[in-house]
Amino acid sequence: MKSSRTRPGVNRAATAFRLAAHGLHRSQGALGAFLRRMKSRLGTAAALTATAHKLARIVYLALKHGLTYVRQNQEEYEAQRKEKQVKALKRKARQLGLELIEKPSASRGTAEAPVPG
């Protein structure tokens, strides 16, 4: 079985990407939100590596295919993430024979409640 750990090495590009990722901590963009979310889940070191990897993929696509980077703000990122979570919850509920009904609320977001189907 292959290890999922990042092997230590001396790579100047990796160091540069980690340094760039470290600077995103207070950023109000999608990459800053990603870093903070990963930091709460994985810890600081792994979150920096994951964000550096994400940055490296963005740079690679920009260089290889000439794609331009469109900066996504934090609100768009959170909305997209929430939409994915709701879609996954609905799919999981369907698999369990349940139906989810969205219930709008005055507070933050919408509450999802399983209803037997």
Protein backbone atom coordinates (compact mmCIF):
# COMPACT_ATOMS: atom_id res chain seq x y z
CA MET A 1 0.00 0.00 0.00
CA LYS A 2 1.32 3.43 -0.93
CA SER A 3 1.82 6.06 1.73
CA SER A 4 -0.10 9.31 1.47
CA ARG A 5 2.58 11.19 3.39
CA THR A 6 4.60 13.88 1.64
CA ARG A 7 8.21 12.79 1.54
CA PRO A 8 10.82 15.26 2.73
CA GLY A 9 13.03 16.78 0.09
CA VAL A 10 14.80 19.93 -1.00
CA ASN A 11 12.66 21.50 -3.68
CA ARG A 12 12.82 25.25 -4.12
CA ALA A 13 9.46 25.34 -5.91
CA ALA A 14 7.78 23.49 -3.02
CA THR A 15 9.34 25.91 -0.56
CA ALA A 16 8.10 28.88 -2.61
CA PHE A 17 4.58 27.45 -2.81
CA ARG A 18 4.54 26.81 0.96
CA LEU A 19 5.69 30.36 1.59
CA ALA A 20 2.95 31.67 -0.71
CA ALA A 21 0.39 29.46 1.06
CA HIS A 22 1.54 30.82 4.42
CA GLY A 23 0.78 34.34 3.20
CA LEU A 24 -2.82 33.37 2.42
CA HIS A 25 -3.82 32.94 6.07
CA ARG A 26 -5.52 36.34 6.33
CA SER A 27 -6.64 36.43 2.70
CA GLN A 28 -10.37 36.98 2.11
CA GLY A 29 -10.29 34.91 -1.08
CA ALA A 30 -11.19 31.30 -1.72
CA LEU A 31 -7.62 30.09 -1.20
CA GLY A 32 -7.48 31.77 2.20
CA ALA A 33 -10.76 30.13 3.18
CA PHE A 34 -9.42 26.77 1.95
CA LEU A 35 -6.26 27.18 4.05
CA ARG A 36 -8.22 28.04 7.20
CA ARG A 37 -10.63 25.13 6.67
CA MET A 38 -7.76 22.68 6.15
CA LYS A 39 -5.91 24.13 9.15
CA SER A 40 -8.83 23.38 11.43
CA ARG A 41 -9.08 19.84 10.05
CA LEU A 42 -5.48 18.79 9.48
CA GLY A 43 -3.26 21.09 11.52
CA THR A 44 -0.97 23.87 10.36
CA ALA A 45 1.79 21.93 8.59
CA ALA A 46 -0.51 19.66 6.58
CA ALA A 47 -2.81 22.58 5.72
CA LEU A 48 0.12 24.58 4.35
CA THR A 49 1.21 21.60 2.25
CA ALA A 50 -2.33 21.05 0.94
CA THR A 51 -2.71 24.73 0.05
CA ALA A 52 0.74 24.80 -1.56
CA HIS A 53 -0.30 21.77 -3.63
CA LYS A 54 -3.48 23.56 -4.70
CA LEU A 55 -1.43 26.62 -5.69
CA ALA A 56 0.99 24.41 -7.63
CA ARG A 57 -1.91 22.87 -9.59
CA ILE A 58 -3.25 26.34 -10.43
CA VAL A 59 0.18 27.52 -11.63
CA TYR A 60 0.68 24.32 -13.65
CA LEU A 61 -2.65 24.73 -15.45
CA ALA A 62 -1.90 28.40 -16.11
CA LEU A 63 1.51 27.58 -17.59
CA LYS A 64 0.58 24.44 -19.53
CA HIS A 65 -2.77 25.51 -20.98
CA GLY A 66 -2.49 29.28 -20.77
CA LEU A 67 -5.52 29.51 -18.50
CA THR A 68 -5.98 32.72 -16.58
CA TYR A 69 -6.66 32.56 -12.86
CA VAL A 70 -10.01 34.00 -11.87
CA ARG A 71 -9.93 34.99 -8.21
CA GLN A 72 -12.95 33.68 -6.34
CA ASN A 73 -14.00 35.54 -3.20
CA GLN A 74 -14.71 33.81 0.08
CA GLU A 75 -18.51 34.14 -0.18
CA GLU A 76 -18.58 32.43 -3.59
CA TYR A 77 -16.30 29.68 -2.28
CA GLU A 78 -18.46 29.09 0.80
CA ALA A 79 -21.65 29.06 -1.30
CA GLN A 80 -20.12 26.55 -3.73
CA ARG A 81 -18.93 24.38 -0.83
CA LYS A 82 -22.35 24.48 0.81
CA GLU A 83 -24.03 23.55 -2.47
CA LYS A 84 -21.73 20.53 -2.78
CA GLN A 85 -22.50 19.50 0.81
CA VAL A 86 -26.27 19.75 0.24
CA LYS A 87 -25.97 17.72 -2.98
CA ALA A 88 -23.94 15.05 -1.16
CA LEU A 89 -26.45 14.95 1.72
CA LYS A 90 -29.36 14.54 -0.70
CA ARG A 91 -27.53 11.74 -2.53
CA LYS A 92 -26.74 9.98 0.77
CA ALA A 93 -30.37 10.38 1.94
CA ARG A 94 -31.62 8.87 -1.35
CA GLN A 95 -29.32 5.89 -0.83
CA LEU A 96 -30.79 5.41 2.64
CA GLY A 97 -34.35 5.71 1.36
CA LEU A 98 -34.91 9.14 2.88
CA GLU A 99 -35.87 12.47 1.41
CA LEU A 100 -34.36 15.81 2.41
CA ILE A 101 -36.53 18.90 2.43
CA GLU A 102 -34.83 22.29 2.55
CA LYS A 103 -36.17 24.46 5.30
CA PRO A 104 -35.33 28.17 4.94
CA SER A 105 -34.46 29.87 8.19
CA ALA A 106 -33.85 33.47 9.22
CA SER A 107 -30.46 32.56 10.73
CA ARG A 108 -27.35 31.47 8.84
CA GLY A 109 -27.91 29.00 5.99
CA THR A 110 -30.64 26.43 5.61
CA ALA A 111 -31.32 23.51 7.86
CA GLU A 112 -31.70 20.09 6.31
CA ALA A 113 -33.88 17.55 8.06
CA PRO A 114 -34.31 13.91 7.02
CA VAL A 115 -37.89 12.87 6.35
CA PRO A 116 -38.72 9.16 5.97
CA GLY A 117 -39.60 8.43 2.35
